[in-house]
Protein backbone atom coordinates (compact mmCIF):
# COMPACT_ATOMS: atom_id res chain seq x y z
CA MET A 1 90.69 49.28 39.83
CA ALA A 2 89.05 52.11 37.86
CA GLU A 3 89.73 52.19 34.13
CA GLN A 4 91.14 55.74 34.26
CA SER A 5 93.48 54.80 37.07
CA LEU A 6 94.70 51.79 35.11
CA ASP A 7 95.36 53.95 32.04
CA GLU A 8 97.34 56.40 34.18
CA MET A 9 99.43 53.61 35.69
CA LYS A 10 100.18 52.23 32.26
CA ARG A 11 101.16 55.71 31.03
CA VAL A 12 103.64 56.11 33.90
CA ARG A 13 105.16 52.71 33.20
CA LEU A 14 105.47 53.46 29.50
CA GLU A 15 107.33 56.67 30.39
CA LYS A 16 109.71 54.63 32.55
CA LEU A 17 110.19 52.26 29.65
CA GLU A 18 111.23 55.10 27.36
CA GLU A 19 113.58 56.53 29.98
CA LEU A 20 115.26 53.13 30.39
CA LYS A 21 115.86 53.05 26.65
CA ARG A 22 117.34 56.58 26.74
CA LEU A 23 119.72 55.39 29.47
CA GLY A 24 120.86 52.56 27.23
CA VAL A 25 119.04 49.84 29.17
CA ASN A 26 117.45 47.11 27.05
CA PRO A 27 114.11 46.46 28.81
CA TYR A 28 113.59 43.16 26.96
CA PRO A 29 117.01 41.47 26.58
CA SER A 30 117.28 38.05 24.95
CA LYS A 31 119.46 36.57 27.70
CA THR A 32 120.48 37.14 31.31
CA LYS A 33 123.86 38.32 32.48
CA GLY A 34 124.47 35.09 34.34
CA VAL A 35 123.01 31.63 34.87
CA PRO A 36 120.29 31.93 37.54
CA ILE A 37 119.47 29.07 39.88
CA LYS A 38 116.08 28.37 41.42
CA ILE A 39 115.16 30.52 44.39
CA GLY A 40 114.28 27.44 46.41
CA LYS A 41 117.89 26.25 45.99
CA ALA A 42 119.36 29.71 46.59
CA ARG A 43 117.65 29.92 49.99
CA GLU A 44 119.79 26.97 51.13
CA LEU A 45 123.11 28.65 50.23
CA MET A 46 123.74 30.91 53.22
CA ASP A 47 126.80 33.19 52.86
CA GLN A 48 127.29 32.13 49.23
CA GLU A 49 126.98 34.28 46.12
CA VAL A 50 124.02 33.32 43.94
CA GLU A 51 122.27 34.42 40.76
CA VAL A 52 118.47 34.28 40.67
CA ALA A 53 115.66 35.43 38.39
CA GLY A 54 111.93 35.88 38.77
CA ARG A 55 109.09 38.37 39.07
CA ILE A 56 109.13 41.34 41.45
CA MET A 57 106.18 40.89 43.83
CA SER A 58 106.75 43.82 46.20
CA TRP A 59 108.86 46.99 46.27
CA ARG A 60 109.79 49.01 49.38
CA GLU A 61 112.03 52.10 49.22
CA HIS A 62 113.81 53.43 52.31
CA GLY A 63 116.15 56.21 51.24
CA ASN A 64 119.47 54.62 50.28
CA ILE A 65 118.04 51.11 50.65
CA VAL A 66 115.40 49.31 48.59
CA PHE A 67 113.81 45.98 49.45
CA ALA A 68 111.94 43.83 46.94
CA ASP A 69 110.50 40.32 46.93
CA LEU A 70 111.48 38.14 43.98
CA LYS A 71 109.41 35.06 43.11
CA ASP A 72 109.99 32.12 40.79
CA GLU A 73 108.27 28.74 40.49
CA THR A 74 110.12 27.33 43.52
CA GLY A 75 109.73 30.12 46.05
CA GLN A 76 110.34 33.72 47.02
CA ILE A 77 113.27 35.64 48.47
CA GLN A 78 113.95 39.24 49.50
CA LEU A 79 116.30 41.37 47.41
CA TRP A 80 118.35 43.94 49.33
CA PHE A 81 119.60 46.89 47.23
CA GLN A 82 122.10 49.19 48.98
CA LYS A 83 123.36 52.41 47.38
CA ASN A 84 126.81 51.87 48.88
CA ASN A 85 127.13 48.63 46.90
CA LEU A 86 125.55 49.75 43.64
CA GLY A 87 126.77 53.30 43.10
CA GLU A 88 125.27 55.02 40.06
CA ASN A 89 123.25 51.90 39.16
CA PHE A 90 121.15 52.53 42.25
CA LYS A 91 119.45 55.44 40.45
CA THR A 92 117.85 53.18 37.86
CA LEU A 93 115.86 51.37 40.57
CA ARG A 94 113.28 54.18 40.47
CA LEU A 95 112.34 52.94 36.99
CA PHE A 96 111.37 49.46 38.14
CA ASP A 97 107.94 48.26 39.29
CA ILE A 98 106.09 45.39 40.87
CA GLY A 99 105.54 42.82 38.13
CA ASP A 100 108.87 43.35 36.36
CA ILE A 101 110.91 40.27 35.50
CA PHE A 102 114.32 40.63 37.10
CA PHE A 103 117.79 39.08 37.40
CA ALA A 104 119.78 39.58 40.59
CA LYS A 105 123.25 38.63 41.79
CA GLY A 106 124.55 38.77 45.36
CA LYS A 107 125.35 36.95 48.57
CA ILE A 108 122.70 35.17 50.64
CA VAL A 109 122.60 36.92 54.03
CA LYS A 110 120.19 37.80 56.79
CA THR A 111 119.18 41.38 57.42
CA VAL A 112 119.10 42.95 60.88
CA ALA A 113 115.41 41.95 60.98
CA GLY A 114 116.41 38.33 60.34
CA GLU A 115 115.01 38.17 56.78
CA LEU A 116 116.87 35.86 54.40
CA SER A 117 117.95 38.10 51.52
CA VAL A 118 120.17 38.50 48.49
CA ASP A 119 122.59 41.37 49.15
CA ILE A 120 122.64 42.71 45.59
CA VAL A 121 125.90 43.51 43.79
CA ASP A 122 124.50 43.37 40.26
CA PHE A 123 121.07 43.22 38.61
CA GLN A 124 119.37 43.26 35.24
CA LEU A 125 115.86 44.05 34.05
CA LEU A 126 114.65 41.12 31.93
CA SER A 127 111.13 42.28 31.06
CA LYS A 128 109.42 45.57 31.84
CA SER A 129 105.83 45.10 33.03
CA ILE A 130 103.50 47.61 31.37
CA ARG A 131 100.26 46.56 33.06
CA PRO A 132 100.26 46.58 36.88
CA LEU A 133 99.35 43.40 38.70
CA PRO A 134 96.11 43.43 40.71
CA SER A 135 96.66 44.33 44.34
CA LYS A 136 98.43 41.44 45.99
CA TRP A 137 96.30 42.04 49.08
CA HIS A 138 93.07 41.55 47.16
CA GLY A 139 94.47 39.11 44.60
CA VAL A 140 92.23 37.82 41.83
CA LYS A 141 89.01 37.00 43.66
CA ASP A 142 86.46 36.98 40.83
CA VAL A 143 86.08 33.34 39.82
CA GLN A 144 85.47 34.02 36.12
CA GLU A 145 88.43 36.39 36.05
CA ARG A 146 90.64 33.69 37.59
CA TYR A 147 89.68 31.22 34.87
CA ARG A 148 89.95 33.70 31.98
CA LYS A 149 93.29 35.07 33.18
CA ARG A 150 94.82 31.95 34.68
CA TYR A 151 98.27 33.57 34.43
CA LEU A 152 97.21 36.10 37.08
CA ASP A 153 95.66 33.33 39.16
CA LEU A 154 99.00 31.49 39.08
CA ILE A 155 100.98 34.60 39.97
CA LEU A 156 98.83 35.81 42.85
CA ASN A 157 96.98 32.87 44.38
CA GLU A 158 98.96 30.37 46.41
CA GLY A 159 98.24 26.69 45.83
CA VAL A 160 96.91 27.02 42.27
CA ARG A 161 100.19 25.98 40.68
CA GLU A 162 100.45 22.92 42.93
CA ARG A 163 97.13 21.54 41.65
CA PHE A 164 98.40 21.68 38.10
CA ASN A 165 101.75 20.23 39.13
CA VAL A 166 99.84 17.25 40.53
CA ARG A 167 98.01 16.91 37.22
CA THR A 168 101.31 16.84 35.31
CA LYS A 169 102.73 14.24 37.68
CA LEU A 170 99.62 12.07 37.31
CA VAL A 171 99.94 12.00 33.51
CA ARG A 172 103.66 11.26 33.77
CA GLU A 173 103.09 8.36 36.17
CA ILE A 174 100.19 6.94 34.16
CA ARG A 175 102.53 6.65 31.20
CA ARG A 176 105.25 5.10 33.34
CA TYR A 177 102.86 2.52 34.82
CA LEU A 178 101.31 1.45 31.51
CA ASP A 179 104.62 1.48 29.64
CA ASP A 180 106.08 -0.85 32.27
CA LEU A 181 103.14 -3.22 31.68
CA GLY A 182 103.95 -3.37 27.98
CA TYR A 183 101.31 -0.99 26.63
CA TRP A 184 101.98 1.05 23.49
CA GLU A 185 101.04 4.73 23.42
CA VAL A 186 99.45 5.81 20.10
CA GLU A 187 97.60 8.72 18.53
CA THR A 188 94.24 8.53 16.76
CA PRO A 189 92.26 11.19 14.82
CA THR A 190 90.64 14.16 16.50
CA LEU A 191 88.66 14.91 13.34
CA GLN A 192 86.43 11.93 12.61
CA PRO A 193 83.91 11.32 9.79
CA LEU A 194 81.57 9.67 12.33
CA TYR A 195 81.48 10.04 16.09
CA GLY A 196 81.27 7.10 18.47
CA GLY A 197 82.67 5.33 21.52
CA ALA A 198 80.38 7.13 23.96
CA ASN A 199 76.88 8.52 24.36
CA ALA A 200 77.44 12.22 23.76
CA LYS A 201 76.48 15.03 21.40
CA PRO A 202 79.40 15.98 19.13
CA PHE A 203 80.84 19.25 17.88
CA ILE A 204 80.69 19.57 14.09
CA THR A 205 83.31 21.32 11.96
CA ARG A 206 83.79 21.83 8.24
CA HIS A 207 86.87 20.58 6.40
CA ASN A 208 87.05 22.99 3.46
CA ALA A 209 89.67 21.14 1.40
CA LEU A 210 87.72 17.88 1.53
CA GLY A 211 84.33 19.56 1.28
CA HIS A 212 83.00 17.49 4.15
CA ASP A 213 81.75 17.94 7.70
CA PHE A 214 83.73 16.19 10.42
CA TYR A 215 83.10 15.62 14.10
CA LEU A 216 85.47 16.44 16.91
CA ARG A 217 86.27 13.21 18.73
CA ILE A 218 83.96 12.33 21.63
CA ALA A 219 86.08 9.25 22.44
CA ASP A 220 88.99 7.36 20.90
CA GLU A 221 87.64 3.90 21.70
CA LEU A 222 86.63 2.75 18.21
CA TYR A 223 89.97 3.74 16.67
CA LEU A 224 91.95 2.04 19.43
CA LYS A 225 89.94 -1.13 18.83
CA ARG A 226 90.80 -0.91 15.13
CA LEU A 227 94.45 -1.02 16.22
CA VAL A 228 93.76 -4.14 18.29
CA VAL A 229 92.33 -5.72 15.14
CA GLY A 230 95.61 -4.75 13.47
CA GLY A 231 97.71 -6.54 16.07
CA TYR A 232 98.32 -4.11 18.93
CA GLU A 233 97.61 -6.25 22.00
CA LYS A 234 98.10 -3.52 24.63
CA VAL A 235 97.42 0.04 23.58
CA TYR A 236 96.58 3.41 25.15
CA GLU A 237 96.06 7.04 24.26
CA ILE A 238 95.92 10.24 26.31
CA CYS A 239 93.96 12.77 24.30
CA LYS A 240 91.46 15.62 24.20
CA ASP A 241 87.81 14.68 23.76
CA PHE A 242 85.02 17.12 22.91
CA ARG A 243 81.36 16.75 23.88
CA ASN A 244 78.79 19.42 23.05
CA GLU A 245 77.09 19.25 26.42
CA GLY A 246 76.38 21.38 29.46
CA ILE A 247 78.97 22.68 31.90
CA ASP A 248 78.68 21.75 35.55
CA GLN A 249 80.78 20.76 38.53
CA THR A 250 82.26 17.69 36.84
CA HIS A 251 81.79 18.37 33.10
CA ASN A 252 83.64 20.57 30.64
CA PRO A 253 83.00 20.35 26.86
CA GLU A 254 86.74 19.95 26.21
CA PHE A 255 88.41 17.45 28.49
CA THR A 256 91.29 14.99 28.66
CA MET A 257 90.87 11.22 28.72
CA ILE A 258 93.05 8.18 28.84
CA GLU A 259 91.71 4.98 27.35
CA TYR A 260 93.59 1.69 27.37
CA TYR A 261 92.78 -1.72 25.97
CA GLU A 262 94.30 -5.14 26.49
CA ALA A 263 93.72 -8.13 24.22
CA TYR A 264 92.94 -11.54 25.72
CA ALA A 265 91.71 -9.85 28.91
CA ASP A 266 88.26 -9.40 30.45
CA TYR A 267 86.83 -6.71 32.70
CA HIS A 268 88.23 -8.30 35.84
CA ARG A 269 91.75 -8.03 34.42
CA VAL A 270 91.14 -4.36 33.55
CA MET A 271 89.91 -3.71 37.10
CA ASP A 272 93.09 -5.33 38.42
CA VAL A 273 95.26 -3.08 36.23
CA THR A 274 93.28 0.03 37.12
CA GLU A 275 93.24 -0.60 40.84
CA GLY A 276 97.00 -1.05 40.61
CA LEU A 277 97.24 2.21 38.67
CA PHE A 278 95.42 4.20 41.36
CA LYS A 279 97.63 2.77 44.07
CA HIS A 280 100.73 3.50 41.99
CA LEU A 281 99.62 7.10 41.46
CA ALA A 282 98.88 7.60 45.15
CA GLN A 283 102.30 6.34 46.15
CA GLN A 284 104.31 8.13 43.46
CA VAL A 285 102.44 11.46 43.33
CA LEU A 286 101.24 11.88 46.93
CA GLY A 287 103.55 9.50 48.78
CA LYS A 288 100.69 7.93 50.74
CA MET A 289 97.68 5.65 50.37
CA GLU A 290 95.32 7.61 52.59
CA MET A 291 93.53 10.28 50.63
CA GLU A 292 91.29 13.16 51.59
CA VAL A 293 88.01 13.08 49.66
CA GLY A 294 85.68 15.83 50.76
CA GLU A 295 85.92 15.78 54.54
CA LYS A 296 86.67 12.05 54.73
CA ILE A 297 89.97 10.19 54.80
CA ILE A 298 89.87 7.16 52.53
CA ASP A 299 92.40 4.35 52.43
CA ILE A 300 92.78 3.10 48.86
CA SER A 301 95.39 0.45 49.72
CA LYS A 302 92.79 -2.23 50.52
CA ASN A 303 91.25 -4.54 47.94
CA TRP A 304 88.31 -2.74 46.34
CA PRO A 305 85.08 -4.77 46.54
CA ARG A 306 83.27 -5.74 43.33
CA ILE A 307 79.49 -5.50 43.69
CA THR A 308 76.88 -6.02 40.99
CA MET A 309 74.50 -3.18 40.19
CA VAL A 310 71.57 -5.40 41.19
CA ASP A 311 73.12 -6.15 44.59
CA ILE A 312 74.13 -2.55 45.38
CA ILE A 313 70.59 -1.29 44.62
CA LYS A 314 69.17 -3.99 46.84
CA GLU A 315 71.67 -3.16 49.60
CA LYS A 316 71.15 0.62 49.48
CA LEU A 317 67.44 0.85 48.57
CA GLY A 318 66.00 -2.51 49.61
CA LEU A 319 64.66 -3.04 46.07
CA ASP A 320 65.22 -6.22 44.04
CA VAL A 321 65.10 -4.86 40.50
CA ARG A 322 65.11 -8.34 39.01
CA ALA A 323 61.83 -9.19 40.71
CA VAL A 324 59.79 -6.14 39.64
CA SER A 325 58.11 -5.37 36.32
CA VAL A 326 58.85 -2.38 34.09
CA GLU A 327 55.62 -0.74 35.28
CA GLU A 328 56.46 -1.29 38.94
CA LEU A 329 59.97 0.03 38.43
CA THR A 330 58.64 3.09 36.58
CA ASN A 331 56.28 3.85 39.47
CA TYR A 332 59.09 3.41 41.99
CA CYS A 333 61.32 5.84 40.07
CA THR A 334 58.51 8.41 39.77
CA GLU A 335 57.71 8.21 43.49
CA ASN A 336 61.39 8.60 44.42
CA GLY A 337 62.33 11.56 42.25
CA VAL A 338 64.08 9.74 39.41
CA GLU A 339 63.47 11.56 36.12
CA ILE A 340 61.37 9.60 33.63
CA LEU A 341 61.06 10.60 29.96
CA GLY A 342 58.64 7.84 29.04
CA GLY A 343 59.36 4.74 27.01
CA GLU A 344 62.46 3.65 28.93
CA THR A 345 63.37 -0.02 28.96
CA LYS A 346 63.80 -1.81 32.24
CA GLY A 347 67.57 -1.63 31.86
CA GLN A 348 67.46 2.14 31.39
CA LEU A 349 65.26 2.52 34.47
CA ILE A 350 67.65 0.42 36.57
CA PHE A 351 70.61 2.50 35.44
CA ASN A 352 68.81 5.82 36.07
CA LEU A 353 67.79 4.64 39.53
CA PHE A 354 71.36 3.63 40.33
CA GLU A 355 72.84 6.92 39.10
CA THR A 356 70.28 9.05 40.92
CA LYS A 357 69.96 7.25 44.25
CA VAL A 358 73.03 5.09 44.80
CA THR A 359 76.22 6.60 43.39
CA GLY A 360 76.46 9.33 46.02
CA THR A 361 76.61 6.71 48.76
CA LEU A 362 79.69 4.95 47.33
CA VAL A 363 82.33 6.67 49.44
CA GLU A 364 84.86 3.86 49.91
CA PRO A 365 86.66 2.63 46.75
CA THR A 366 84.15 0.32 45.05
CA TRP A 367 83.77 -1.42 41.71
CA ILE A 368 80.18 -1.61 40.51
CA ILE A 369 79.90 -4.41 37.93
CA ASP A 370 77.39 -6.00 35.54
CA TYR A 371 75.25 -3.32 33.88
CA PRO A 372 72.05 -3.50 31.81
CA LYS A 373 72.74 -4.19 28.14
CA GLU A 374 70.59 -1.25 26.99
CA VAL A 375 72.94 1.34 28.49
CA SER A 376 76.18 -0.37 27.45
CA PRO A 377 76.21 -0.74 23.65
CA LEU A 378 79.94 -1.58 23.45
CA SER A 379 80.14 -4.08 26.33
CA LYS A 380 80.23 -7.86 26.02
CA GLY A 381 77.13 -9.63 27.29
CA LYS A 382 77.25 -12.11 30.14
CA TRP A 383 76.90 -15.55 28.54
CA GLU A 384 74.61 -16.87 31.25
CA GLU A 385 72.60 -13.62 31.60
CA PRO A 386 72.20 -12.02 28.14
CA GLU A 387 70.34 -8.93 29.47
CA TRP A 388 73.42 -7.92 31.44
CA VAL A 389 76.92 -7.02 30.30
CA GLU A 390 80.45 -7.24 31.73
CA ARG A 391 80.78 -3.54 32.46
CA PHE A 392 82.17 -1.79 35.53
CA GLU A 393 82.56 1.67 37.00
CA GLY A 394 84.88 2.75 39.78
CA TYR A 395 83.53 5.00 42.53
CA ILE A 396 85.37 6.86 45.28
CA GLY A 397 83.89 9.59 47.44
CA GLY A 398 80.53 9.22 45.72
CA LYS A 399 82.08 10.14 42.35
CA GLU A 400 82.56 8.02 39.25
CA ILE A 401 86.27 7.91 38.47
CA CYS A 402 86.39 5.45 35.58
CA ASP A 403 84.25 3.34 33.27
CA GLY A 404 85.22 0.14 31.45
CA TRP A 405 84.13 -3.28 30.29
CA SER A 406 84.84 -6.51 28.53
CA GLU A 407 84.62 -5.32 24.96
CA LEU A 408 82.00 -6.64 22.59
CA THR A 409 83.78 -8.60 19.83
CA ASP A 410 80.81 -10.04 17.91
CA PRO A 411 80.23 -7.79 14.84
CA VAL A 412 76.67 -9.06 14.30
CA GLU A 413 75.70 -8.28 17.89
CA GLN A 414 77.57 -4.95 17.73
CA ARG A 415 75.46 -3.89 14.74
CA LYS A 416 72.28 -4.74 16.64
CA ARG A 417 73.47 -2.73 19.64
CA PHE A 418 74.29 0.31 17.50
CA GLU A 419 70.88 0.18 15.84
CA ALA A 420 69.10 -0.25 19.18
CA ASP A 421 71.03 2.66 20.71
CA VAL A 422 69.95 4.98 17.90
CA LYS A 423 66.32 4.14 18.74
CA ALA A 424 66.74 4.32 22.53
CA THR A 425 64.80 6.87 24.58
CA ARG A 426 67.02 9.84 25.53
CA LYS A 427 66.74 13.61 25.75
CA ASP A 428 68.96 14.20 22.74
CA LYS A 429 69.05 11.71 19.88
CA ALA A 430 72.45 13.07 18.80
CA GLU A 431 73.92 11.45 21.93
CA ALA A 432 73.24 7.94 20.57
CA GLN A 433 76.00 5.65 19.30
CA GLN A 434 75.99 5.78 15.49
CA VAL A 435 76.15 2.76 13.19
CA ASP A 436 79.82 2.93 12.23
CA GLU A 437 80.17 0.76 9.12
CA ASP A 438 83.94 1.14 8.92
CA PHE A 439 84.35 -0.03 12.50
CA LEU A 440 81.98 -2.94 11.92
CA GLU A 441 83.99 -3.96 8.87
CA ALA A 442 87.16 -3.96 11.00
CA MET A 443 85.42 -6.15 13.58
CA GLU A 444 84.42 -8.61 10.86
CA TYR A 445 88.11 -9.35 10.27
CA GLY A 446 88.26 -10.58 13.85
CA LEU A 447 88.60 -8.65 17.10
CA PRO A 448 90.18 -10.71 19.89
CA ALA A 449 88.69 -10.82 23.38
CA LEU A 450 89.76 -7.67 25.16
CA GLY A 451 89.00 -5.37 28.04
CA GLY A 452 89.17 -1.60 28.08
CA ILE A 453 88.60 1.48 30.18
CA GLY A 454 88.36 5.26 30.01
CA ILE A 455 89.50 7.56 32.82
CA GLY A 456 89.02 11.33 32.80
CA ILE A 457 92.32 13.03 33.61
CA ASP A 458 90.43 16.09 34.87
CA ARG A 459 88.33 14.06 37.30
CA LEU A 460 91.42 12.11 38.31
CA THR A 461 93.10 15.39 39.21
CA MET A 462 90.02 16.49 41.13
CA PHE A 463 90.22 13.30 43.13
CA PHE A 464 93.96 13.52 43.84
CA THR A 465 93.77 17.20 44.85
CA ASN A 466 90.39 16.98 46.64
CA THR A 467 89.15 19.78 44.39
CA TRP A 468 85.57 19.02 43.38
CA LEU A 469 85.14 21.60 40.66
CA ILE A 470 86.45 20.70 37.23
CA LYS A 471 87.28 24.30 36.24
CA GLU A 472 89.84 24.38 39.06
CA VAL A 473 91.89 21.58 37.46
CA ILE A 474 91.76 22.74 33.82
CA LEU A 475 94.20 25.55 33.10
CA PHE A 476 91.86 27.28 30.66
CA PRO A 477 88.32 25.88 31.02
CA THR A 478 85.63 26.55 28.41
CA LEU A 479 83.84 29.83 29.17
CA ARG A 480 81.43 32.13 27.40
CA PRO A 481 83.51 34.67 25.41
CA ASP A 482 84.09 37.86 27.35
CA ASN A 483 83.13 40.93 25.32
CA GLU A 484 85.05 43.81 26.88
CA ASP A 485 83.54 46.37 24.48
CA ILE A 486 80.01 45.56 25.66
CA LYS A 487 81.13 45.81 29.29
CA ARG A 488 82.66 49.24 28.67
CA LYS A 489 79.50 50.52 26.99
CA ARG A 490 77.41 49.33 29.91
CA ARG A 491 79.65 51.15 32.37
CA LYS A 492 79.38 54.40 30.38
CA LYS A 493 75.56 54.25 30.48
CA ARG A 494 75.50 54.12 34.27
């Protein structure tokens, strides 16, 4: 739509707005004449008088008859305006447009063409639309425009709302499931004096009143564990996390996580709870256990196998990582396209090899367990194998859907892990776990054995809607600011 054409359309609509006011019509009333019901319900009430409200999506004038389509969050129905029924009020219809918010009253009938309609006896303008909607035929096709103006995406593109409805239902059912198991929902700080609980680069912000820099939370793990020290034996939080990292198909700098922790439980117990959660969500949100992931149908009702990282690498690649040296493993990674920075420990190499070459093959629901200690600074070590820890990740459709472990409860060992992680080889040193003295002090008072997990709500929604692009399941994803002035100047130069 050309800018001049848009300005002209807005001018015409503003003139209509002024004329409505001159006629004594309030174009933005505070309440409706009646009590509208949902359009989806109204469509079931044949030959009954109803009151409905919604947005005008089309407008067709035929002399003494006008047809319009009215849409709300449950559906759409045709409005049938007849001059014989409306008298002088019929004249005001010329002042209405596609996009207006509207109240209508009338009987549910079928037209001669067989279209279910509301035969209007009364109506009310609820909000005059000044800016015309994009052509319904063309919709909002530009991807960036859809994300920046999600409201238009929701109005014009079918199916978008349903994805976000699924997301809402997932969060609701997660709470129901954990509450029924005796977990307590809590809130922990978003602004933290020290970041931790994950390997990620933080966002930094200044607290003017305190004269101190704070970090936006990258994870809530360390605060939830403080609560376990304080006596909460089952605890969870659903919150926003912020990681100053790149944006790709599965990552957004601002995202939603749930983390839950259970005292006197190990990682096998947490896997049991989480597998039960996924099955509960499938049944309650989708009403079935068979799920579409990519082009495959996956049954999540079966027991999910638990396979060690060593065994899955051996099964998929024919390589026994226990039997090879660091040098041999480095050469193998180099020859097989696994990125090497130089200086990695054997545990880091094993993990990089797994992530690069194995994860994409894990289509059926699978728990991968027992990770190298070097890449799991918060996980409890295996007593009989100190170089490995009781950590797990869940994979479905080749995607990681959750990450958890038996939590490390030894404060002396935790300090060593923090210090080692700061020194570990990685692209960005800011991603390392920091030595959190306050958290270590809390641990020194005694942290009971416990298991915990983090699940990304965004990725969970991607999985349950078979939508493998994270921006499609976040209402307003993080984007580069759009400078309209610069765009206008560029157009003028052409």
